[in-house]
Amino acid sequence: MDIVHEKEKYDTICLLSNDNDFSPLLRYVKNHNKKVILISGKNTRISFKENADYLINAQSIKNLICSVK
């Protein structure tokens, strides 16, 4: 809800999700001239990915954020 209520305070959102249920939200912010960065996995629906301006594969950053002990 903060994304909707605070939309005048940002120009870009970044979402880490594979959940297609966020599609209406992404379309909403894009309709308000906001950029969308989506970080998602390989099993993400194409229709969900199409809502993003920038798409980052979560696996590609895995080595940067995870370490093996």
C-alpha atoms as a PDB file:
ATOM      1  CA  MET A   1       0.000   0.000   0.000  1.00  0.00           C
ATOM      2  CA  ASP A   2       2.919   2.360   0.608  1.00  0.00           C
ATOM      3  CA  ILE A   3       3.799   2.122  -3.073  1.00  0.00           C
ATOM      4  CA  VAL A   4       0.366   3.478  -3.967  1.00  0.00           C
ATOM      5  CA  HIS A   5       0.037   6.058  -1.200  1.00  0.00           C
ATOM      6  CA  GLU A   6       3.575   7.408  -1.498  1.00  0.00           C
ATOM      7  CA  LYS A   7       3.826   7.438  -5.312  1.00  0.00           C
ATOM      8  CA  GLU A   8       4.680  11.143  -5.456  1.00  0.00           C
ATOM      9  CA  LYS A   9       7.832  10.531  -3.406  1.00  0.00           C
ATOM     10  CA  TYR A  10       9.666   8.185  -5.797  1.00  0.00           C
ATOM     11  CA  ASP A  11      10.331   7.667  -9.491  1.00  0.00           C
ATOM     12  CA  THR A  12      11.398   3.998  -9.457  1.00  0.00           C
ATOM     13  CA  ILE A  13      10.361   0.896  -7.547  1.00  0.00           C
ATOM     14  CA  CYS A  14      12.349  -2.278  -7.193  1.00  0.00           C
ATOM     15  CA  LEU A  15      10.490  -5.505  -6.535  1.00  0.00           C
ATOM     16  CA  LEU A  16      12.040  -8.865  -5.698  1.00  0.00           C
ATOM     17  CA  SER A  17       9.373 -11.413  -6.555  1.00  0.00           C
ATOM     18  CA  ASN A  18       8.199 -14.203  -8.852  1.00  0.00           C
ATOM     19  CA  ASP A  19       4.586 -13.620  -7.837  1.00  0.00           C
ATOM     20  CA  ASN A  20       2.382 -12.704 -10.774  1.00  0.00           C
ATOM     21  CA  ASP A  21      -0.181 -11.333  -8.293  1.00  0.00           C
ATOM     22  CA  PHE A  22       1.918  -8.144  -8.257  1.00  0.00           C
ATOM     23  CA  SER A  23       1.144  -7.480 -11.946  1.00  0.00           C
ATOM     24  CA  PRO A  24      -1.730  -5.054 -11.247  1.00  0.00           C
ATOM     25  CA  LEU A  25       0.496  -3.069  -8.893  1.00  0.00           C
ATOM     26  CA  LEU A  26       3.295  -2.866 -11.446  1.00  0.00           C
ATOM     27  CA  ARG A  27       0.867  -1.736 -14.135  1.00  0.00           C
ATOM     28  CA  TYR A  28      -0.505   0.875 -11.726  1.00  0.00           C
ATOM     29  CA  VAL A  29       2.877   2.450 -11.020  1.00  0.00           C
ATOM     30  CA  LYS A  30       3.853   2.343 -14.688  1.00  0.00           C
ATOM     31  CA  ASN A  31       0.597   4.166 -15.519  1.00  0.00           C
ATOM     32  CA  HIS A  32       1.805   6.865 -13.128  1.00  0.00           C
ATOM     33  CA  ASN A  33       5.090   7.251 -15.035  1.00  0.00           C
ATOM     34  CA  LYS A  34       7.214   5.311 -12.574  1.00  0.00           C
ATOM     35  CA  LYS A  35      10.019   2.934 -13.548  1.00  0.00           C
ATOM     36  CA  VAL A  36       9.913  -0.699 -12.421  1.00  0.00           C
ATOM     37  CA  ILE A  37      12.979  -2.807 -11.663  1.00  0.00           C
ATOM     38  CA  LEU A  38      12.047  -6.451 -11.233  1.00  0.00           C
ATOM     39  CA  ILE A  39      14.393  -8.977  -9.673  1.00  0.00           C
ATOM     40  CA  SER A  40      12.995 -12.424 -10.304  1.00  0.00           C
ATOM     41  CA  GLY A  41      13.885 -16.055 -10.805  1.00  0.00           C
ATOM     42  CA  LYS A  42      13.946 -18.233 -13.877  1.00  0.00           C
ATOM     43  CA  ASN A  43      10.410 -19.574 -13.357  1.00  0.00           C
ATOM     44  CA  THR A  44       8.779 -16.161 -13.556  1.00  0.00           C
ATOM     45  CA  ARG A  45       5.934 -15.827 -16.042  1.00  0.00           C
ATOM     46  CA  ILE A  46       6.735 -13.822 -19.144  1.00  0.00           C
ATOM     47  CA  SER A  47       3.557 -11.803 -18.645  1.00  0.00           C
ATOM     48  CA  PHE A  48       4.873 -10.705 -15.229  1.00  0.00           C
ATOM     49  CA  LYS A  49       8.302  -9.826 -16.608  1.00  0.00           C
ATOM     50  CA  GLU A  50       6.684  -7.673 -19.288  1.00  0.00           C
ATOM     51  CA  ASN A  51       5.597  -5.243 -16.552  1.00  0.00           C
ATOM     52  CA  ALA A  52       9.213  -4.319 -15.811  1.00  0.00           C
ATOM     53  CA  ASP A  53      11.338  -1.585 -17.338  1.00  0.00           C
ATOM     54  CA  TYR A  54      14.469  -3.344 -16.108  1.00  0.00           C
ATOM     55  CA  LEU A  55      14.700  -7.047 -15.413  1.00  0.00           C
ATOM     56  CA  ILE A  56      17.388  -8.649 -13.251  1.00  0.00           C
ATOM     57  CA  ASN A  57      17.691 -12.400 -12.950  1.00  0.00           C
ATOM     58  CA  ALA A  58      17.995 -13.227  -9.245  1.00  0.00           C
ATOM     59  CA  GLN A  59      20.423 -16.048 -10.005  1.00  0.00           C
ATOM     60  CA  SER A  60      22.840 -13.607 -11.619  1.00  0.00           C
ATOM     61  CA  ILE A  61      23.279 -11.727  -8.341  1.00  0.00           C
ATOM     62  CA  LYS A  62      23.256 -14.798  -6.112  1.00  0.00           C
ATOM     63  CA  ASN A  63      27.055 -14.904  -5.834  1.00  0.00           C
ATOM     64  CA  LEU A  64      27.090 -11.279  -4.734  1.00  0.00           C
ATOM     65  CA  ILE A  65      24.607 -11.731  -1.893  1.00  0.00           C
ATOM     66  CA  CYS A  66      25.263 -15.312  -0.753  1.00  0.00           C
ATOM     67  CA  SER A  67      28.279 -17.116   0.516  1.00  0.00           C
ATOM     68  CA  VAL A  68      28.975 -20.782   1.178  1.00  0.00           C
ATOM     69  CA  LYS A  69      30.291 -21.585   4.623  1.00  0.00           C
END
